[in-house]
Amino acid sequence: MGYRYELHLNHSCCVSGSLIQSDPTAMASISSTLPHPSPSQGIRTLARFGFAAKGAVYLTMGILALLAATGMQGGKTTDKQQAVQAIQDLPMGRFLLGLIALGLAGYVIWRFTQALRDTENKGNGAKGIARRIGYAASGLFYVALAYYAGKAAWENTSVSSAGGSGNTKQSLVATLMEQSYGPWLVGAIGLFIIGTGLYQIWRAYSGKFAKHVNASSLPAEQQRVVYRTGQVGYTARGIVMAIIGYFFVQAARHSNPGEVNDTEGAFDLLSSMGPMVLGVVALGLVAYGVYQIVQAKYPVLNGV
């Protein structure tokens, strides 16, 4: 009986194999049932990882500034690079820094994907091209940070010694200022940054920011919390960006590259208005960081 069963089984396998070989559609049907990772799945993963890394950086900046506003130990006003350095100083910091670098690289790839593939359907008109250039520019802001973080994690050195420098912006502005059109260009950059900051605030109160998070699976109360968190976060980010733009305009007016500053300088200006002002904006950046992490969990990723 066992011999006949084995013979029947072998005969069935041979027949099935010959049928598959002689019928390409059968092979295609079997192949279609197997999972195949697509490039779009990879881009979606990178985008989500990118939102989480960006959120971690803003969360760190906000917490450190909030500690500084309340006079607690360890508090300080920082820019993104210094926030990444603070992450590196944590236990398992080198590993965390590597994750941040990989996540920021993913965010850069996602922004360039939005720009090149027009995932948001902005079109090829003047307005659409401007928006798509904006996506690419948003990614470019994180290229250097991702590179320095990755290099520091790989070489086990500090972020600053890996090549990052707080004076980079001032050096670039100084080079521009040497040109005849330099002050005008720096002033235009400042006005653009101010406009971008005001746009962030408009997005906060128009609700436009919410379309990038799919919170429909959450209870109604949690959806409201997520929405308010985004509103507060985008408002705070807009305020900080507008202040940074103001620094550029002042540098152009006075032909003084030294007046250019970043998030740390914006925090210092807010601190001069009182710890309460700094604390409120710092809380807002914490909210923005949290919202980015929520976006990593419930993203709306069009076109991929």
C-alpha atoms as a PDB file:
ATOM      1  CA  MET A   1       0.000   0.000   0.000  1.00  0.00           C
ATOM      2  CA  GLY A   2       2.814   2.414   0.913  1.00  0.00           C
ATOM      3  CA  TYR A   3       4.584   1.728  -2.362  1.00  0.00           C
ATOM      4  CA  ARG A   4       1.439   2.385  -4.411  1.00  0.00           C
ATOM      5  CA  TYR A   5       0.809   5.667  -2.493  1.00  0.00           C
ATOM      6  CA  GLU A   6       4.378   6.853  -3.116  1.00  0.00           C
ATOM      7  CA  LEU A   7       4.073   5.958  -6.774  1.00  0.00           C
ATOM      8  CA  HIS A   8       0.784   7.820  -7.065  1.00  0.00           C
ATOM      9  CA  LEU A   9       2.266  10.865  -5.308  1.00  0.00           C
ATOM     10  CA  ASN A  10       5.316  10.936  -7.530  1.00  0.00           C
ATOM     11  CA  HIS A  11       3.106  10.533 -10.576  1.00  0.00           C
ATOM     12  CA  SER A  12       0.919  13.485  -9.470  1.00  0.00           C
ATOM     13  CA  CYS A  13       3.946  15.700  -8.850  1.00  0.00           C
ATOM     14  CA  CYS A  14       5.386  14.853 -12.246  1.00  0.00           C
ATOM     15  CA  VAL A  15       2.094  15.567 -13.959  1.00  0.00           C
ATOM     16  CA  SER A  16       1.700  18.875 -12.075  1.00  0.00           C
ATOM     17  CA  GLY A  17       5.245  19.881 -12.902  1.00  0.00           C
ATOM     18  CA  SER A  18       4.786  19.107 -16.569  1.00  0.00           C
ATOM     19  CA  LEU A  19       1.529  21.035 -16.644  1.00  0.00           C
ATOM     20  CA  ILE A  20       3.183  24.096 -15.127  1.00  0.00           C
ATOM     21  CA  GLN A  21       6.090  23.875 -17.550  1.00  0.00           C
ATOM     22  CA  SER A  22       3.761  23.531 -20.528  1.00  0.00           C
ATOM     23  CA  ASP A  23       1.360  26.247 -19.347  1.00  0.00           C
ATOM     24  CA  PRO A  24       3.068  29.620 -18.707  1.00  0.00           C
ATOM     25  CA  THR A  25      -0.201  31.078 -17.437  1.00  0.00           C
ATOM     26  CA  ALA A  26      -0.201  28.599 -14.582  1.00  0.00           C
ATOM     27  CA  MET A  27       3.272  29.719 -13.543  1.00  0.00           C
ATOM     28  CA  ALA A  28       2.199  33.378 -13.783  1.00  0.00           C
ATOM     29  CA  SER A  29      -0.857  32.617 -11.670  1.00  0.00           C
ATOM     30  CA  ILE A  30       1.253  30.988  -8.960  1.00  0.00           C
ATOM     31  CA  SER A  31       3.772  33.841  -9.109  1.00  0.00           C
ATOM     32  CA  SER A  32       1.026  36.412  -8.723  1.00  0.00           C
ATOM     33  CA  THR A  33      -0.063  34.856  -5.432  1.00  0.00           C
ATOM     34  CA  LEU A  34       3.382  35.306  -3.882  1.00  0.00           C
ATOM     35  CA  PRO A  35       4.253  38.569  -2.138  1.00  0.00           C
ATOM     36  CA  HIS A  36       6.509  40.887  -4.151  1.00  0.00           C
ATOM     37  CA  PRO A  37       7.903  44.013  -2.493  1.00  0.00           C
ATOM     38  CA  SER A  38       7.535  47.013  -4.802  1.00  0.00           C
ATOM     39  CA  PRO A  39       9.565  50.222  -5.016  1.00  0.00           C
ATOM     40  CA  SER A  40       6.510  52.101  -3.770  1.00  0.00           C
ATOM     41  CA  GLN A  41       6.440  50.027  -0.592  1.00  0.00           C
ATOM     42  CA  GLY A  42      10.063  50.937   0.022  1.00  0.00           C
ATOM     43  CA  ILE A  43       9.367  54.635  -0.513  1.00  0.00           C
ATOM     44  CA  ARG A  44       6.393  54.473   1.864  1.00  0.00           C
ATOM     45  CA  THR A  45       8.569  52.871   4.527  1.00  0.00           C
ATOM     46  CA  LEU A  46      11.280  55.493   4.066  1.00  0.00           C
ATOM     47  CA  ALA A  47       8.719  58.295   4.266  1.00  0.00           C
ATOM     48  CA  ARG A  48       7.238  56.996   7.510  1.00  0.00           C
ATOM     49  CA  PHE A  49      10.687  56.498   8.986  1.00  0.00           C
ATOM     50  CA  GLY A  50      11.527  60.035   7.875  1.00  0.00           C
ATOM     51  CA  PHE A  51       8.515  61.574   9.622  1.00  0.00           C
ATOM     52  CA  ALA A  52       9.471  59.752  12.827  1.00  0.00           C
ATOM     53  CA  ALA A  53      13.101  60.951  12.669  1.00  0.00           C
ATOM     54  CA  LYS A  54      12.060  64.533  11.948  1.00  0.00           C
ATOM     55  CA  GLY A  55       9.615  64.338  14.840  1.00  0.00           C
ATOM     56  CA  ALA A  56      12.350  63.088  17.166  1.00  0.00           C
ATOM     57  CA  VAL A  57      14.598  66.043  16.248  1.00  0.00           C
ATOM     58  CA  TYR A  58      11.847  68.615  16.866  1.00  0.00           C
ATOM     59  CA  LEU A  59      10.780  66.843  20.038  1.00  0.00           C
ATOM     60  CA  THR A  60      14.340  67.046  21.351  1.00  0.00           C
ATOM     61  CA  MET A  61      14.679  70.742  20.444  1.00  0.00           C
ATOM     62  CA  GLY A  62      11.382  71.552  22.116  1.00  0.00           C
ATOM     63  CA  ILE A  63      12.104  69.626  25.306  1.00  0.00           C
ATOM     64  CA  LEU A  64      15.565  71.177  25.732  1.00  0.00           C
ATOM     65  CA  ALA A  65      14.160  74.685  25.173  1.00  0.00           C
ATOM     66  CA  LEU A  66      11.301  73.983  27.588  1.00  0.00           C
ATOM     67  CA  LEU A  67      13.786  72.878  30.242  1.00  0.00           C
ATOM     68  CA  ALA A  68      15.741  76.085  29.622  1.00  0.00           C
ATOM     69  CA  ALA A  69      12.586  78.193  29.945  1.00  0.00           C
ATOM     70  CA  THR A  70      11.720  76.590  33.273  1.00  0.00           C
ATOM     71  CA  GLY A  71      15.282  76.797  34.559  1.00  0.00           C
ATOM     72  CA  MET A  72      15.645  73.047  34.913  1.00  0.00           C
ATOM     73  CA  GLN A  73      18.957  71.224  34.683  1.00  0.00           C
ATOM     74  CA  GLY A  74      20.019  70.189  31.189  1.00  0.00           C
ATOM     75  CA  GLY A  75      17.912  72.797  29.438  1.00  0.00           C
ATOM     76  CA  LYS A  76      19.374  74.812  26.586  1.00  0.00           C
ATOM     77  CA  THR A  77      18.355  76.463  23.356  1.00  0.00           C
ATOM     78  CA  THR A  78      19.516  74.437  20.364  1.00  0.00           C
ATOM     79  CA  ASP A  79      19.306  74.163  16.613  1.00  0.00           C
ATOM     80  CA  LYS A  80      18.651  70.902  14.765  1.00  0.00           C
ATOM     81  CA  GLN A  81      22.310  69.913  14.717  1.00  0.00           C
ATOM     82  CA  GLN A  82      22.672  70.392  18.463  1.00  0.00           C
ATOM     83  CA  ALA A  83      19.436  68.476  19.024  1.00  0.00           C
ATOM     84  CA  VAL A  84      20.897  65.554  17.082  1.00  0.00           C
ATOM     85  CA  GLN A  85      24.046  65.854  19.197  1.00  0.00           C
ATOM     86  CA  ALA A  86      21.874  65.637  22.332  1.00  0.00           C
ATOM     87  CA  ILE A  87      20.343  62.414  20.980  1.00  0.00           C
ATOM     88  CA  GLN A  88      23.840  61.049  20.439  1.00  0.00           C
ATOM     89  CA  ASP A  89      24.674  61.771  24.111  1.00  0.00           C
ATOM     90  CA  LEU A  90      21.855  59.484  25.288  1.00  0.00           C
ATOM     91  CA  PRO A  91      22.439  55.825  26.238  1.00  0.00           C
ATOM     92  CA  MET A  92      22.847  53.805  23.024  1.00  0.00           C
ATOM     93  CA  GLY A  93      23.327  57.195  21.379  1.00  0.00           C
ATOM     94  CA  ARG A  94      25.381  55.904  18.460  1.00  0.00           C
ATOM     95  CA  PHE A  95      22.633  53.443  17.534  1.00  0.00           C
ATOM     96  CA  LEU A  96      19.930  56.102  17.923  1.00  0.00           C
ATOM     97  CA  LEU A  97      21.975  58.532  15.841  1.00  0.00           C
ATOM     98  CA  GLY A  98      22.234  55.961  13.067  1.00  0.00           C
ATOM     99  CA  LEU A  99      18.458  55.550  13.092  1.00  0.00           C
ATOM    100  CA  ILE A 100      17.978  59.318  12.953  1.00  0.00           C
ATOM    101  CA  ALA A 101      20.399  59.598  10.022  1.00  0.00           C
ATOM    102  CA  LEU A 102      18.625  56.816   8.142  1.00  0.00           C
ATOM    103  CA  GLY A 103      15.233  58.363   8.884  1.00  0.00           C
ATOM    104  CA  LEU A 104      16.278  61.822   7.718  1.00  0.00           C
ATOM    105  CA  ALA A 105      17.673  60.307   4.531  1.00  0.00           C
ATOM    106  CA  GLY A 106      14.285  58.659   4.049  1.00  0.00           C
ATOM    107  CA  TYR A 107      12.580  62.015   4.506  1.00  0.00           C
ATOM    108  CA  VAL A 108      14.844  63.554   1.849  1.00  0.00           C
ATOM    109  CA  ILE A 109      13.996  60.739  -0.576  1.00  0.00           C
ATOM    110  CA  TRP A 110      10.282  61.166   0.080  1.00  0.00           C
ATOM    111  CA  ARG A 111      10.402  64.930  -0.532  1.00  0.00           C
ATOM    112  CA  PHE A 112      12.262  64.446  -3.800  1.00  0.00           C
ATOM    113  CA  THR A 113       9.766  61.758  -4.779  1.00  0.00           C
ATOM    114  CA  GLN A 114       6.951  64.253  -4.204  1.00  0.00           C
ATOM    115  CA  ALA A 115       8.740  66.802  -6.354  1.00  0.00           C
ATOM    116  CA  LEU A 116       9.762  64.549  -9.245  1.00  0.00           C
ATOM    117  CA  ARG A 117       6.729  62.260  -9.453  1.00  0.00           C
ATOM    118  CA  ASP A 118       4.204  64.977  -8.620  1.00  0.00           C
ATOM    119  CA  THR A 119       2.519  62.741  -6.064  1.00  0.00           C
ATOM    120  CA  GLU A 120       0.316  65.629  -4.891  1.00  0.00           C
ATOM    121  CA  ASN A 121      -0.936  66.348  -8.437  1.00  0.00           C
ATOM    122  CA  LYS A 122       0.245  69.960  -8.476  1.00  0.00           C
ATOM    123  CA  GLY A 123       0.748  69.885 -12.227  1.00  0.00           C
ATOM    124  CA  ASN A 124       3.294  71.538 -14.514  1.00  0.00           C
ATOM    125  CA  GLY A 125       1.961  75.087 -14.347  1.00  0.00           C
ATOM    126  CA  ALA A 126       3.913  77.878 -12.714  1.00  0.00           C
ATOM    127  CA  LYS A 127       2.156  77.434  -9.374  1.00  0.00           C
ATOM    128  CA  GLY A 128       2.505  73.664  -9.496  1.00  0.00           C
ATOM    129  CA  ILE A 129       6.210  73.803 -10.360  1.00  0.00           C
ATOM    130  CA  ALA A 130       6.775  76.263  -7.498  1.00  0.00           C
ATOM    131  CA  ARG A 131       5.093  73.905  -5.037  1.00  0.00           C
ATOM    132  CA  ARG A 132       7.134  70.962  -6.298  1.00  0.00           C
ATOM    133  CA  ILE A 133      10.352  72.968  -5.995  1.00  0.00           C
ATOM    134  CA  GLY A 134       9.252  73.689  -2.435  1.00  0.00           C
ATOM    135  CA  TYR A 135       9.036  69.946  -1.728  1.00  0.00           C
ATOM    136  CA  ALA A 136      12.571  69.468  -3.038  1.00  0.00           C
ATOM    137  CA  ALA A 137      13.843  72.451  -1.035  1.00  0.00           C
ATOM    138  CA  SER A 138      12.260  70.997   2.102  1.00  0.00           C
ATOM    139  CA  GLY A 139      14.245  67.828   1.515  1.00  0.00           C
ATOM    140  CA  LEU A 140      17.468  69.707   0.833  1.00  0.00           C
ATOM    141  CA  PHE A 141      17.307  71.317   4.281  1.00  0.00           C
ATOM    142  CA  TYR A 142      17.856  67.870   5.805  1.00  0.00           C
ATOM    143  CA  VAL A 143      20.552  66.527   3.459  1.00  0.00           C
ATOM    144  CA  ALA A 144      23.471  67.952   5.430  1.00  0.00           C
ATOM    145  CA  LEU A 145      21.969  66.988   8.800  1.00  0.00           C
ATOM    146  CA  ALA A 146      21.396  63.402   7.629  1.00  0.00           C
ATOM    147  CA  TYR A 147      24.945  63.242   6.267  1.00  0.00           C
ATOM    148  CA  TYR A 148      26.625  64.597   9.397  1.00  0.00           C
ATOM    149  CA  ALA A 149      24.502  62.397  11.670  1.00  0.00           C
ATOM    150  CA  GLY A 150      25.294  59.325   9.581  1.00  0.00           C
ATOM    151  CA  LYS A 151      29.000  60.125   9.460  1.00  0.00           C
ATOM    152  CA  ALA A 152      29.129  60.691  13.215  1.00  0.00           C
ATOM    153  CA  ALA A 153      27.312  57.412  13.885  1.00  0.00           C
ATOM    154  CA  TRP A 154      29.592  55.495  11.510  1.00  0.00           C
ATOM    155  CA  GLU A 155      32.843  56.987  12.842  1.00  0.00           C
ATOM    156  CA  ASN A 156      31.616  57.207  16.447  1.00  0.00           C
ATOM    157  CA  THR A 157      32.477  60.907  16.639  1.00  0.00           C
ATOM    158  CA  SER A 158      30.442  63.954  17.608  1.00  0.00           C
ATOM    159  CA  VAL A 159      28.130  65.518  15.046  1.00  0.00           C
ATOM    160  CA  SER A 160      30.084  68.790  15.055  1.00  0.00           C
ATOM    161  CA  SER A 161      33.434  67.061  14.484  1.00  0.00           C
ATOM    162  CA  ALA A 162      31.869  65.046  11.656  1.00  0.00           C
ATOM    163  CA  GLY A 163      31.741  68.269   9.646  1.00  0.00           C
ATOM    164  CA  GLY A 164      28.659  70.111  10.876  1.00  0.00           C
ATOM    165  CA  SER A 165      29.203  73.683  11.952  1.00  0.00           C
ATOM    166  CA  GLY A 166      26.950  76.300  13.442  1.00  0.00           C
ATOM    167  CA  ASN A 167      28.721  78.934  11.339  1.00  0.00           C
ATOM    168  CA  THR A 168      27.930  77.302   7.989  1.00  0.00           C
ATOM    169  CA  LYS A 169      24.985  79.594   7.235  1.00  0.00           C
ATOM    170  CA  GLN A 170      26.971  82.688   8.157  1.00  0.00           C
ATOM    171  CA  SER A 171      29.852  81.587   5.921  1.00  0.00           C
ATOM    172  CA  LEU A 172      27.509  81.072   2.984  1.00  0.00           C
ATOM    173  CA  VAL A 173      25.826  84.423   3.580  1.00  0.00           C
ATOM    174  CA  ALA A 174      29.232  86.116   3.829  1.00  0.00           C
ATOM    175  CA  THR A 175      30.129  84.678   0.419  1.00  0.00           C
ATOM    176  CA  LEU A 176      26.881  86.008  -1.031  1.00  0.00           C
ATOM    177  CA  MET A 177      27.437  89.409   0.536  1.00  0.00           C
ATOM    178  CA  GLU A 178      30.675  89.765  -1.395  1.00  0.00           C
ATOM    179  CA  GLN A 179      28.670  89.928  -4.617  1.00  0.00           C
ATOM    180  CA  SER A 180      27.122  93.167  -5.822  1.00  0.00           C
ATOM    181  CA  TYR A 181      23.660  91.636  -5.655  1.00  0.00           C
ATOM    182  CA  GLY A 182      24.413  89.821  -2.374  1.00  0.00           C
ATOM    183  CA  PRO A 183      22.410  91.939   0.095  1.00  0.00           C
ATOM    184  CA  TRP A 184      19.379  91.905  -2.193  1.00  0.00           C
ATOM    185  CA  LEU A 185      19.534  88.127  -2.561  1.00  0.00           C
ATOM    186  CA  VAL A 186      19.981  87.571   1.184  1.00  0.00           C
ATOM    187  CA  GLY A 187      17.072  89.924   1.843  1.00  0.00           C
ATOM    188  CA  ALA A 188      14.923  88.013  -0.666  1.00  0.00           C
ATOM    189  CA  ILE A 189      15.823  84.733   1.053  1.00  0.00           C
ATOM    190  CA  GLY A 190      14.805  86.262   4.371  1.00  0.00           C
ATOM    191  CA  LEU A 191      11.453  87.424   3.007  1.00  0.00           C
ATOM    192  CA  PHE A 192      10.867  83.976   1.513  1.00  0.00           C
ATOM    193  CA  ILE A 193      11.548  82.317   4.880  1.00  0.00           C
ATOM    194  CA  ILE A 194       9.227  84.774   6.617  1.00  0.00           C
ATOM    195  CA  GLY A 195       6.552  84.026   4.029  1.00  0.00           C
ATOM    196  CA  THR A 196       7.041  80.306   4.567  1.00  0.00           C
ATOM    197  CA  GLY A 197       6.650  80.782   8.316  1.00  0.00           C
ATOM    198  CA  LEU A 198       3.439  82.750   7.867  1.00  0.00           C
ATOM    199  CA  TYR A 199       2.208  80.037   5.495  1.00  0.00           C
ATOM    200  CA  GLN A 200       2.799  77.446   8.211  1.00  0.00           C
ATOM    201  CA  ILE A 201       0.645  79.485  10.587  1.00  0.00           C
ATOM    202  CA  TRP A 202      -2.062  79.809   7.924  1.00  0.00           C
ATOM    203  CA  ARG A 203      -1.971  76.047   7.395  1.00  0.00           C
ATOM    204  CA  ALA A 204      -2.416  75.571  11.131  1.00  0.00           C
ATOM    205  CA  TYR A 205      -5.620  77.598  11.346  1.00  0.00           C
ATOM    206  CA  SER A 206      -7.071  76.663   7.976  1.00  0.00           C
ATOM    207  CA  GLY A 207      -6.688  72.966   8.801  1.00  0.00           C
ATOM    208  CA  LYS A 208      -4.745  72.278   5.587  1.00  0.00           C
ATOM    209  CA  PHE A 209      -2.045  70.424   7.509  1.00  0.00           C
ATOM    210  CA  ALA A 210      -4.495  67.715   8.627  1.00  0.00           C
ATOM    211  CA  LYS A 211      -4.846  66.162   5.151  1.00  0.00           C
ATOM    212  CA  HIS A 212      -1.488  64.439   5.557  1.00  0.00           C
ATOM    213  CA  VAL A 213      -2.605  62.339   8.532  1.00  0.00           C
ATOM    214  CA  ASN A 214      -5.249  59.626   8.297  1.00  0.00           C
ATOM    215  CA  ALA A 215      -6.647  59.609  11.819  1.00  0.00           C
ATOM    216  CA  SER A 216     -10.034  58.184  10.812  1.00  0.00           C
ATOM    217  CA  SER A 217      -9.332  54.929  12.660  1.00  0.00           C
ATOM    218  CA  LEU A 218      -8.940  56.794  15.962  1.00  0.00           C
ATOM    219  CA  PRO A 219     -11.831  57.616  18.308  1.00  0.00           C
ATOM    220  CA  ALA A 220     -13.345  61.074  17.815  1.00  0.00           C
ATOM    221  CA  GLU A 221     -11.779  62.485  20.977  1.00  0.00           C
ATOM    222  CA  GLN A 222      -8.294  61.322  19.957  1.00  0.00           C
ATOM    223  CA  GLN A 223      -8.813  62.776  16.501  1.00  0.00           C
ATOM    224  CA  ARG A 224      -9.522  66.162  18.080  1.00  0.00           C
ATOM    225  CA  VAL A 225      -6.385  65.877  20.220  1.00  0.00           C
ATOM    226  CA  VAL A 226      -4.277  65.037  17.155  1.00  0.00           C
ATOM    227  CA  TYR A 227      -5.774  67.974  15.258  1.00  0.00           C
ATOM    228  CA  ARG A 228      -5.119  70.474  18.079  1.00  0.00           C
ATOM    229  CA  THR A 229      -1.615  69.123  18.526  1.00  0.00           C
ATOM    230  CA  GLY A 230      -0.946  69.770  14.840  1.00  0.00           C
ATOM    231  CA  GLN A 231      -2.388  73.279  15.051  1.00  0.00           C
ATOM    232  CA  VAL A 232      -0.166  74.199  17.993  1.00  0.00           C
ATOM    233  CA  GLY A 233       2.871  72.563  16.407  1.00  0.00           C
ATOM    234  CA  TYR A 234       2.566  74.223  13.005  1.00  0.00           C
ATOM    235  CA  THR A 235       1.953  77.595  14.653  1.00  0.00           C
ATOM    236  CA  ALA A 236       5.125  77.328  16.745  1.00  0.00           C
ATOM    237  CA  ARG A 237       7.156  76.165  13.760  1.00  0.00           C
ATOM    238  CA  GLY A 238       5.839  79.091  11.719  1.00  0.00           C
ATOM    239  CA  ILE A 239       6.838  81.558  14.433  1.00  0.00           C
ATOM    240  CA  VAL A 240      10.383  80.172  14.607  1.00  0.00           C
ATOM    241  CA  MET A 241      10.749  80.219  10.815  1.00  0.00           C
ATOM    242  CA  ALA A 242       9.527  83.824  10.614  1.00  0.00           C
ATOM    243  CA  ILE A 243      12.115  84.857  13.223  1.00  0.00           C
ATOM    244  CA  ILE A 244      14.878  83.103  11.257  1.00  0.00           C
ATOM    245  CA  GLY A 245      13.742  84.980   8.135  1.00  0.00           C
ATOM    246  CA  TYR A 246      13.887  88.225  10.126  1.00  0.00           C
ATOM    247  CA  PHE A 247      17.543  87.487  10.923  1.00  0.00           C
ATOM    248  CA  PHE A 248      18.305  87.178   7.206  1.00  0.00           C
ATOM    249  CA  VAL A 249      16.541  90.458   6.435  1.00  0.00           C
ATOM    250  CA  GLN A 250      18.504  92.236   9.168  1.00  0.00           C
ATOM    251  CA  ALA A 251      21.747  90.772   7.868  1.00  0.00           C
ATOM    252  CA  ALA A 252      20.905  92.109   4.398  1.00  0.00           C
ATOM    253  CA  ARG A 253      19.950  95.556   5.699  1.00  0.00           C
ATOM    254  CA  HIS A 254      23.170  95.935   7.682  1.00  0.00           C
ATOM    255  CA  SER A 255      25.418  93.953   5.279  1.00  0.00           C
ATOM    256  CA  ASN A 256      26.421  91.875   8.290  1.00  0.00           C
ATOM    257  CA  PRO A 257      26.466  88.075   7.832  1.00  0.00           C
ATOM    258  CA  GLY A 258      26.955  87.716  11.585  1.00  0.00           C
ATOM    259  CA  GLU A 259      23.303  88.603  12.126  1.00  0.00           C
ATOM    260  CA  VAL A 260      22.153  85.444  10.368  1.00  0.00           C
ATOM    261  CA  ASN A 261      20.997  82.890  12.911  1.00  0.00           C
ATOM    262  CA  ASP A 262      19.041  79.653  13.135  1.00  0.00           C
ATOM    263  CA  THR A 263      16.622  78.005  15.556  1.00  0.00           C
ATOM    264  CA  GLU A 264      18.958  78.529  18.480  1.00  0.00           C
ATOM    265  CA  GLY A 265      19.039  82.268  17.761  1.00  0.00           C
ATOM    266  CA  ALA A 266      15.246  82.318  17.449  1.00  0.00           C
ATOM    267  CA  PHE A 267      14.963  80.659  20.857  1.00  0.00           C
ATOM    268  CA  ASP A 268      17.389  83.178  22.336  1.00  0.00           C
ATOM    269  CA  LEU A 269      15.319  86.065  20.958  1.00  0.00           C
ATOM    270  CA  LEU A 270      12.151  84.536  22.414  1.00  0.00           C
ATOM    271  CA  SER A 271      13.943  84.012  25.724  1.00  0.00           C
ATOM    272  CA  SER A 272      14.786  87.722  25.848  1.00  0.00           C
ATOM    273  CA  MET A 273      11.031  88.375  25.805  1.00  0.00           C
ATOM    274  CA  GLY A 274      10.625  86.275  28.920  1.00  0.00           C
ATOM    275  CA  PRO A 275      10.725  82.602  29.920  1.00  0.00           C
ATOM    276  CA  MET A 276       6.964  82.320  29.429  1.00  0.00           C
ATOM    277  CA  VAL A 277       7.265  83.252  25.743  1.00  0.00           C
ATOM    278  CA  LEU A 278      10.093  80.766  25.203  1.00  0.00           C
ATOM    279  CA  GLY A 279       8.204  78.082  27.100  1.00  0.00           C
ATOM    280  CA  VAL A 280       5.036  78.466  25.028  1.00  0.00           C
ATOM    281  CA  VAL A 281       6.893  78.222  21.713  1.00  0.00           C
ATOM    282  CA  ALA A 282       9.007  75.329  23.042  1.00  0.00           C
ATOM    283  CA  LEU A 283       5.822  73.475  23.949  1.00  0.00           C
ATOM    284  CA  GLY A 284       4.619  74.156  20.421  1.00  0.00           C
ATOM    285  CA  LEU A 285       7.720  72.532  18.931  1.00  0.00           C
ATOM    286  CA  VAL A 286       7.205  69.544  21.210  1.00  0.00           C
ATOM    287  CA  ALA A 287       3.671  69.352  19.807  1.00  0.00           C
ATOM    288  CA  TYR A 288       5.050  69.540  16.249  1.00  0.00           C
ATOM    289  CA  GLY A 289       7.447  66.683  17.000  1.00  0.00           C
ATOM    290  CA  VAL A 290       4.614  64.585  18.405  1.00  0.00           C
ATOM    291  CA  TYR A 291       2.464  65.340  15.361  1.00  0.00           C
ATOM    292  CA  GLN A 292       5.234  64.199  13.021  1.00  0.00           C
ATOM    293  CA  ILE A 293       5.460  60.921  14.916  1.00  0.00           C
ATOM    294  CA  VAL A 294       1.674  60.518  14.624  1.00  0.00           C
ATOM    295  CA  GLN A 295       2.044  61.159  10.887  1.00  0.00           C
ATOM    296  CA  ALA A 296       4.606  58.372  10.744  1.00  0.00           C
ATOM    297  CA  LYS A 297       2.001  56.039  12.259  1.00  0.00           C
ATOM    298  CA  TYR A 298      -1.000  57.226  10.189  1.00  0.00           C
ATOM    299  CA  PRO A 299       0.420  58.773   7.006  1.00  0.00           C
ATOM    300  CA  VAL A 300      -1.389  59.839   3.863  1.00  0.00           C
ATOM    301  CA  LEU A 301       1.112  59.104   1.093  1.00  0.00           C
ATOM    302  CA  ASN A 302      -0.289  59.945  -2.302  1.00  0.00           C
ATOM    303  CA  GLY A 303       1.059  58.592  -5.565  1.00  0.00           C
ATOM    304  CA  VAL A 304       3.034  55.655  -4.119  1.00  0.00           C
END
